[in-house]
Structures are given as structure tokens and as C-alpha cells.
């Protein structure tokens, strides 16, 4: 019976395992191989070993892109997680009108990144953009602020647009987690004299810790792959103020036709995502998989 169950488990696991090998593991192996080539993507390739890696580690543009990616991670997390938590808990309430708000909040997630990038590029346009017009009406600007053309503001604005796109998804996760919190915990808190704010801090937040870890991992690893939205909004500019790792990978591989360097950056991004995920899981205790119902 045990041997048969093991065989059945392998059969059930095989489709997912094949999907992982074909679409995740195999491309990574190919990227590692390409990272050792001097190749423009068309002509004859030449094996150069670790020369591309040495060049990448001594390339200031790569380290600048790495720093910008780290900054974007921090900005994205602070823009997305607190607001997503608040919206998710709010949408988990019992009032009927909250269902309508839930639909409205979810709308940005239905658009493609390219559509969002084009829309926001018009909204932020310094000549006829809606944002500057609204700020001018309320007396907070001259109506000509070049949000995406200012190197001091560009990365911050990009992080805000990314947050606008992904807050609905994170809110949905928090909404699902909040719905699983038993009412008995809130009733016990009220009997102890806890205010709504105290109940939020001492009941809701602890019960959503696993959801917070999940959204943090998705946020950190997702930041490494932000490309299409940034490409449409700024193309890495102005200058190189939004030239994150994904943009630098694209430029190395297709602008400069250096597939080897582009593959090096791709491998660095994959390893960074894996390391961030492992560290987040380890230092948050998520690997223990404590029950969401803990404390009942």
C-alpha cells in the first residue's frame, strides 16, 4: 500500500515537476551557459569562461543598476504593503458597500503593464498631464512638473505607479487572510476592553503574519523582474536614474548585443531572488508554517 501511494504521488507530481524543469530550471541552465559566451545573438559564439563575470563585477553600470533595484525594493515595499494591509482588512468587513469598493480597487490588476505605463505617462506629462492640472487647481504646483524627466523624482514616481498596479493583488491576499481570522479572537479582545485599534494591533496583525511574509517575498522578488512598466515609462532614464537590473540586462543583451553580459545579469537576478526568498523565510520563521488559527 505504501509503495503504491508513493508511485501515485510521483504521478501526481510529474506534471508540476516537468513544468518547473522546462520553464524554470532549463532556461536558468541555458542562461548560465550563455554567461560564458562572447556572442551577439546572431553570429558565431566564442567561449570566454568567466571573463563576462569579471567584467560585470568591475562594471560600474551593473552595480549602479543593483543599487537602484535595492532602492526600488524598499520603496515598493513601503508603498505597497501598509496600504495593501489596510485595504485588505477594510474589504474583509461586513458592510455591503465594501464589496463595491473591492471591485474598484481590483481594476488596476486587470490592465497590462504596457497599458498602465502608457496611461500614466500621459497622466504625468508636464504639458497636458492630469496630475499637474489637478495640483495646479488646488494650488500645489505650477502645472509643469516633469515627474518622469527629473532624475531625483523618477524612481520614486515609478515605485508609485508599480504600487498602484500591484496593491490590488496584495490587498486580495490580505483580504483572504483577514477573512480567516475567527470572530472569537475579536470577541475576547472586546471583553478585555480592547479598542478597535488595539484589536487591529494585537489580533489582526499577528494573525496575518504568514500573509505578510508571502507578500514581502512576492514584493522583493517581483522587484527584480520589473521591466515592461519601467521600459514604457522611462526606458531607464532620465540618464540612468531608473536603470534597474532588468533594464540593464535588456540593454546589455539587445542594445549592445552582448548576450553573455546580459545572461550574467539574468543569473545574478535569479540568485538574488532565491537568496532573498530564503532569508525572508528563515528570519521570519515562516518555514515553521504556524497555523493561521494559532492563539484560538
Protein backbone atom coordinates (compact mmCIF):
# COMPACT_ATOMS: atom_id res chain seq x y z
CA UNK A 1 0.00 0.00 0.00
CA UNK A 2 2.82 2.39 0.90
CA UNK A 3 4.73 1.65 -2.32
CA UNK A 4 1.59 2.19 -4.41
CA UNK A 5 0.88 5.51 -2.70
CA UNK A 6 4.45 6.61 -3.36
CA UNK A 7 4.01 5.73 -7.04
CA UNK A 8 0.76 7.66 -7.17
CA UNK A 9 2.39 10.68 -5.56
CA UNK A 10 5.11 10.67 -8.21
CA UNK A 11 2.49 10.51 -10.98
CA UNK A 12 0.59 13.43 -9.50
CA UNK A 13 3.82 15.40 -9.01
CA UNK A 14 5.15 14.75 -12.52
CA UNK A 15 3.18 17.49 -14.41
CA UNK A 16 4.28 20.19 -11.99
CA UNK A 17 7.84 18.85 -11.96
CA UNK A 18 8.02 18.83 -15.78
CA UNK A 19 6.64 22.37 -15.89
CA UNK A 20 9.31 23.52 -13.42
CA UNK A 21 12.14 21.79 -15.28
CA UNK A 22 11.10 23.01 -18.74
CA UNK A 23 10.16 26.59 -17.91
CA UNK A 24 12.35 27.39 -14.87
CA UNK A 25 15.33 25.11 -14.45
CA UNK A 26 16.25 24.57 -18.11
CA UNK A 27 16.25 28.30 -19.02
CA UNK A 28 18.43 29.00 -16.00
CA UNK A 29 20.94 26.34 -17.08
CA UNK A 30 20.97 27.85 -20.58
CA UNK A 31 21.50 31.33 -19.09
CA UNK A 32 24.47 30.07 -17.07
CA UNK A 33 25.94 28.60 -20.26
CA UNK A 34 25.34 31.80 -22.24
CA UNK A 35 27.04 33.80 -19.48
CA UNK A 36 30.32 32.23 -20.56
CA UNK A 37 29.96 33.22 -24.24
CA UNK A 38 31.12 36.17 -26.27
CA UNK A 39 28.13 36.32 -28.60
CA UNK A 40 25.95 38.94 -30.25
CA UNK A 41 22.98 36.60 -30.56
CA UNK A 42 23.35 36.03 -34.30
CA UNK A 43 26.89 35.24 -35.39
CA UNK A 44 29.41 32.70 -34.20
CA UNK A 45 29.83 32.46 -30.45
CA UNK A 46 33.11 32.20 -28.59
CA UNK A 47 33.58 30.63 -25.16
CA UNK A 48 35.29 33.10 -22.82
CA UNK A 49 34.59 31.42 -19.48
CA UNK A 50 34.40 33.75 -16.52
CA UNK A 51 35.51 36.85 -18.42
CA UNK A 52 31.94 38.13 -18.63
CA UNK A 53 31.58 37.70 -14.87
CA UNK A 54 34.83 39.55 -14.21
CA UNK A 55 33.69 42.35 -16.50
CA UNK A 56 30.29 42.51 -14.78
CA UNK A 57 31.85 42.68 -11.32
CA UNK A 58 34.05 45.58 -12.44
CA UNK A 59 31.29 47.36 -14.37
CA UNK A 60 30.00 50.45 -12.58
CA UNK A 61 26.76 50.42 -14.55
CA UNK A 62 25.86 46.97 -13.21
CA UNK A 63 26.49 47.99 -9.60
CA UNK A 64 24.51 51.19 -10.16
CA UNK A 65 21.62 49.10 -11.50
CA UNK A 66 21.91 46.80 -8.49
CA UNK A 67 21.73 49.77 -6.10
CA UNK A 68 18.70 51.19 -7.88
CA UNK A 69 17.00 47.80 -7.73
CA UNK A 70 17.60 47.65 -3.97
CA UNK A 71 16.17 51.18 -3.59
CA UNK A 72 13.14 50.22 -5.69
CA UNK A 73 12.60 47.16 -3.47
CA UNK A 74 12.47 49.31 -0.35
CA UNK A 75 10.22 51.94 -1.96
CA UNK A 76 7.87 49.31 -3.40
CA UNK A 77 7.53 47.54 -0.07
CA UNK A 78 6.74 50.75 1.85
CA UNK A 79 4.33 51.93 -0.83
CA UNK A 80 2.52 48.62 -1.22
CA UNK A 81 2.40 46.62 1.99
CA UNK A 82 0.97 49.07 4.56
CA UNK A 83 -1.74 50.31 2.19
CA UNK A 84 -2.48 46.77 0.97
CA UNK A 85 -2.86 45.63 4.57
CA UNK A 86 -5.25 48.48 5.37
CA UNK A 87 -7.33 47.92 2.24
CA UNK A 88 -7.39 44.14 2.68
CA UNK A 89 -8.63 44.37 6.26
CA UNK A 90 -11.12 47.07 5.27
CA UNK A 91 -12.53 44.93 2.45
CA UNK A 92 -12.90 41.99 4.83
CA UNK A 93 -15.53 43.92 6.79
CA UNK A 94 -19.20 43.00 6.82
CA UNK A 95 -20.70 46.18 5.35
CA UNK A 96 -22.27 45.68 1.94
CA UNK A 97 -20.71 48.75 0.31
CA UNK A 98 -17.24 47.31 0.85
CA UNK A 99 -17.89 44.73 -1.86
CA UNK A 100 -18.30 47.59 -4.36
CA UNK A 101 -15.03 49.15 -3.22
CA UNK A 102 -13.32 45.77 -3.58
CA UNK A 103 -14.26 45.68 -7.26
CA UNK A 104 -12.95 49.22 -7.80
CA UNK A 105 -9.64 48.51 -6.04
CA UNK A 106 -9.13 45.40 -8.15
CA UNK A 107 -9.43 47.22 -11.51
CA UNK A 108 -5.69 48.16 -11.91
CA UNK A 109 -4.75 44.48 -11.79
CA UNK A 110 -6.84 43.82 -14.89
CA UNK A 111 -4.67 46.08 -17.09
CA UNK A 112 -1.42 45.06 -18.75
CA UNK A 113 1.81 46.72 -17.65
CA UNK A 114 2.19 48.35 -21.07
CA UNK A 115 -1.31 49.84 -20.89
CA UNK A 116 -0.62 51.11 -17.38
CA UNK A 117 2.70 52.59 -18.47
CA UNK A 118 1.17 54.43 -21.43
CA UNK A 119 -1.74 55.71 -19.32
CA UNK A 120 0.48 57.02 -16.54
CA UNK A 121 2.92 58.58 -18.99
CA UNK A 122 0.00 60.73 -20.20
CA UNK A 123 -1.19 61.44 -16.65
CA UNK A 124 2.32 62.56 -15.66
CA UNK A 125 3.04 64.51 -18.84
CA UNK A 126 4.33 68.01 -17.90
CA UNK A 127 2.49 69.70 -20.80
CA UNK A 128 -1.04 68.29 -20.58
CA UNK A 129 -0.95 65.73 -17.76
CA UNK A 130 -3.92 65.29 -15.47
CA UNK A 131 -1.82 65.17 -12.28
CA UNK A 132 -0.21 68.57 -12.82
CA UNK A 133 -3.57 70.08 -13.75
CA UNK A 134 -5.16 68.83 -10.53
CA UNK A 135 -2.22 70.01 -8.41
CA UNK A 136 -2.39 73.44 -10.04
CA UNK A 137 -6.11 73.69 -9.28
CA UNK A 138 -5.51 73.11 -5.56
CA UNK A 139 -2.50 75.44 -5.56
CA UNK A 140 0.24 72.83 -5.10
CA UNK A 141 2.19 73.37 -8.30
CA UNK A 142 2.67 75.40 -11.46
CA UNK A 143 1.22 72.69 -13.71
CA UNK A 144 4.55 71.95 -15.42
CA UNK A 145 6.34 69.48 -13.13
CA UNK A 146 8.27 66.95 -15.20
CA UNK A 147 7.78 63.95 -12.92
CA UNK A 148 9.43 61.34 -15.13
CA UNK A 149 12.07 63.71 -16.51
CA UNK A 150 13.51 64.67 -13.12
CA UNK A 151 16.27 62.24 -12.04
CA UNK A 152 15.53 63.00 -8.38
CA UNK A 153 11.86 62.09 -8.69
CA UNK A 154 11.78 59.44 -11.44
CA UNK A 155 12.48 56.34 -9.34
CA UNK A 156 10.03 57.46 -6.66
CA UNK A 157 7.33 58.05 -9.27
CA UNK A 158 8.00 54.66 -10.90
CA UNK A 159 7.67 52.99 -7.49
CA UNK A 160 4.34 54.76 -7.02
CA UNK A 161 3.00 53.55 -10.37
CA UNK A 162 4.16 50.00 -9.62
CA UNK A 163 2.40 50.20 -6.26
CA UNK A 164 -0.80 51.39 -7.97
CA UNK A 165 -0.66 48.31 -10.18
CA UNK A 166 0.07 45.68 -7.53
CA UNK A 167 -1.67 46.97 -4.40
CA UNK A 168 -4.92 45.27 -5.53
CA UNK A 169 -3.23 41.86 -5.65
CA UNK A 170 -1.62 42.25 -2.23
CA UNK A 171 -4.91 43.57 -0.85
CA UNK A 172 -6.61 40.44 -2.13
CA UNK A 173 -4.13 38.29 -0.19
CA UNK A 174 -4.67 40.30 3.00
CA UNK A 175 -8.42 40.19 2.42
CA UNK A 176 -8.33 36.38 2.26
CA UNK A 177 -6.16 36.19 5.37
CA UNK A 178 -8.36 38.57 7.34
CA UNK A 179 -11.45 36.56 6.42
CA UNK A 180 -9.88 33.50 8.07
CA UNK A 181 -9.41 35.20 11.46
CA UNK A 182 -12.03 33.74 13.84
CA UNK A 183 -14.51 36.17 15.39
CA UNK A 184 -13.86 34.59 18.80
CA UNK A 185 -10.49 36.35 18.98
CA UNK A 186 -12.09 39.75 18.46
CA UNK A 187 -14.84 38.95 20.94
CA UNK A 188 -12.23 38.00 23.54
CA UNK A 189 -10.36 41.25 22.84
CA UNK A 190 -13.55 43.29 23.31
CA UNK A 191 -14.27 41.52 26.60
CA UNK A 192 -10.78 42.50 27.75
CA UNK A 193 -11.58 46.13 26.94
CA UNK A 194 -9.50 46.43 23.77
CA UNK A 195 -10.28 49.30 21.41
CA UNK A 196 -10.64 48.68 17.64
CA UNK A 197 -7.07 49.95 17.14
CA UNK A 198 -5.74 47.64 19.86
CA UNK A 199 -7.63 44.72 18.33
CA UNK A 200 -6.02 45.52 14.99
CA UNK A 201 -2.53 45.64 16.52
CA UNK A 202 -2.80 42.62 18.81
CA UNK A 203 -5.20 40.35 16.93
CA UNK A 204 -5.27 41.20 13.22
CA UNK A 205 -1.56 41.87 12.69
CA UNK A 206 -0.31 38.68 14.46
CA UNK A 207 -2.87 36.55 12.63
CA UNK A 208 -1.74 37.94 9.27
CA UNK A 209 1.98 37.33 9.80
CA UNK A 210 2.12 34.49 7.26
CA UNK A 211 0.35 36.66 4.69
CA UNK A 212 2.82 39.47 5.38
CA UNK A 213 5.74 37.14 4.72
CA UNK A 214 4.14 35.96 1.49
CA UNK A 215 3.52 39.48 0.20
CA UNK A 216 7.04 40.52 1.22
CA UNK A 217 8.61 37.65 -0.74
CA UNK A 218 6.46 38.43 -3.78
CA UNK A 219 7.33 42.11 -3.50
CA UNK A 220 11.08 41.62 -3.14
CA UNK A 221 11.43 39.01 -5.87
CA UNK A 222 8.97 40.80 -8.13
CA UNK A 223 11.02 43.99 -8.00
CA UNK A 224 13.90 42.13 -9.63
CA UNK A 225 11.79 41.48 -12.71
CA UNK A 226 10.17 44.91 -13.22
CA UNK A 227 10.92 45.72 -16.83
CA UNK A 228 7.95 46.37 -19.10
CA UNK A 229 6.42 49.13 -16.99
CA UNK A 230 9.77 50.89 -16.49
CA UNK A 231 10.61 50.50 -20.17
CA UNK A 232 7.37 52.21 -21.21
CA UNK A 233 7.59 54.96 -18.58
CA UNK A 234 11.27 55.96 -18.66
CA UNK A 235 13.36 53.39 -20.60
CA UNK A 236 15.78 53.56 -17.69
CA UNK A 237 16.07 57.35 -17.78
CA UNK A 238 16.40 60.19 -17.32
CA UNK A 239 20.07 59.38 -17.62
CA UNK A 240 20.32 56.13 -15.70
CA UNK A 241 18.17 57.14 -12.72
CA UNK A 242 15.71 54.25 -13.25
CA UNK A 243 18.08 51.82 -14.95
CA UNK A 244 17.39 48.81 -12.69
CA UNK A 245 18.88 45.35 -13.21
CA UNK A 246 16.17 44.18 -15.60
CA UNK A 247 16.72 47.26 -17.79
CA UNK A 248 20.49 46.82 -17.69
CA UNK A 249 20.09 43.16 -18.68
CA UNK A 250 17.96 44.18 -21.65
CA UNK A 251 20.39 46.88 -22.74
CA UNK A 252 23.42 44.62 -22.49
CA UNK A 253 21.76 41.80 -24.42
CA UNK A 254 19.92 43.78 -27.12
CA UNK A 255 21.26 47.34 -27.28
CA UNK A 256 24.91 46.38 -27.01
CA UNK A 257 24.33 42.86 -28.45
CA UNK A 258 26.30 41.27 -25.63
CA UNK A 259 24.31 38.14 -24.81
CA UNK A 260 27.00 36.97 -22.38
CA UNK A 261 26.78 40.06 -20.16
CA UNK A 262 23.01 40.04 -20.33
CA UNK A 263 23.00 36.41 -19.21
CA UNK A 264 25.33 37.22 -16.31
CA UNK A 265 22.86 39.82 -15.05
CA UNK A 266 19.97 37.37 -15.54
CA UNK A 267 21.75 34.77 -13.40
CA UNK A 268 22.52 37.41 -10.74
CA UNK A 269 18.83 38.37 -10.65
CA UNK A 270 17.74 34.74 -10.27
CA UNK A 271 20.24 34.05 -7.49
CA UNK A 272 19.33 37.31 -5.72
CA UNK A 273 15.65 36.36 -5.81
CA UNK A 274 16.39 32.92 -4.41
CA UNK A 275 18.60 34.30 -1.63
CA UNK A 276 16.05 36.96 -0.68
CA UNK A 277 13.29 34.35 -0.51
CA UNK A 278 15.36 32.00 1.66
CA UNK A 279 16.46 34.78 4.03
CA UNK A 280 12.92 36.12 4.38
CA UNK A 281 11.55 32.67 5.16
CA UNK A 282 14.36 31.90 7.60
CA UNK A 283 14.34 35.13 9.60
CA UNK A 284 10.56 35.43 9.80
CA UNK A 285 10.01 31.86 10.98
CA UNK A 286 7.70 31.24 8.03
CA UNK A 287 9.31 27.84 7.43
CA UNK A 288 7.70 26.56 10.65
CA UNK A 289 4.32 27.10 8.97
CA UNK A 290 2.50 28.00 12.19
CA UNK A 291 -1.24 27.73 11.87
CA UNK A 292 -3.21 30.83 10.94
CA UNK A 293 -5.52 29.82 13.78
CA UNK A 294 -2.76 29.98 16.36
CA UNK A 295 -3.98 31.51 19.61
CA UNK A 296 -7.54 30.24 19.42
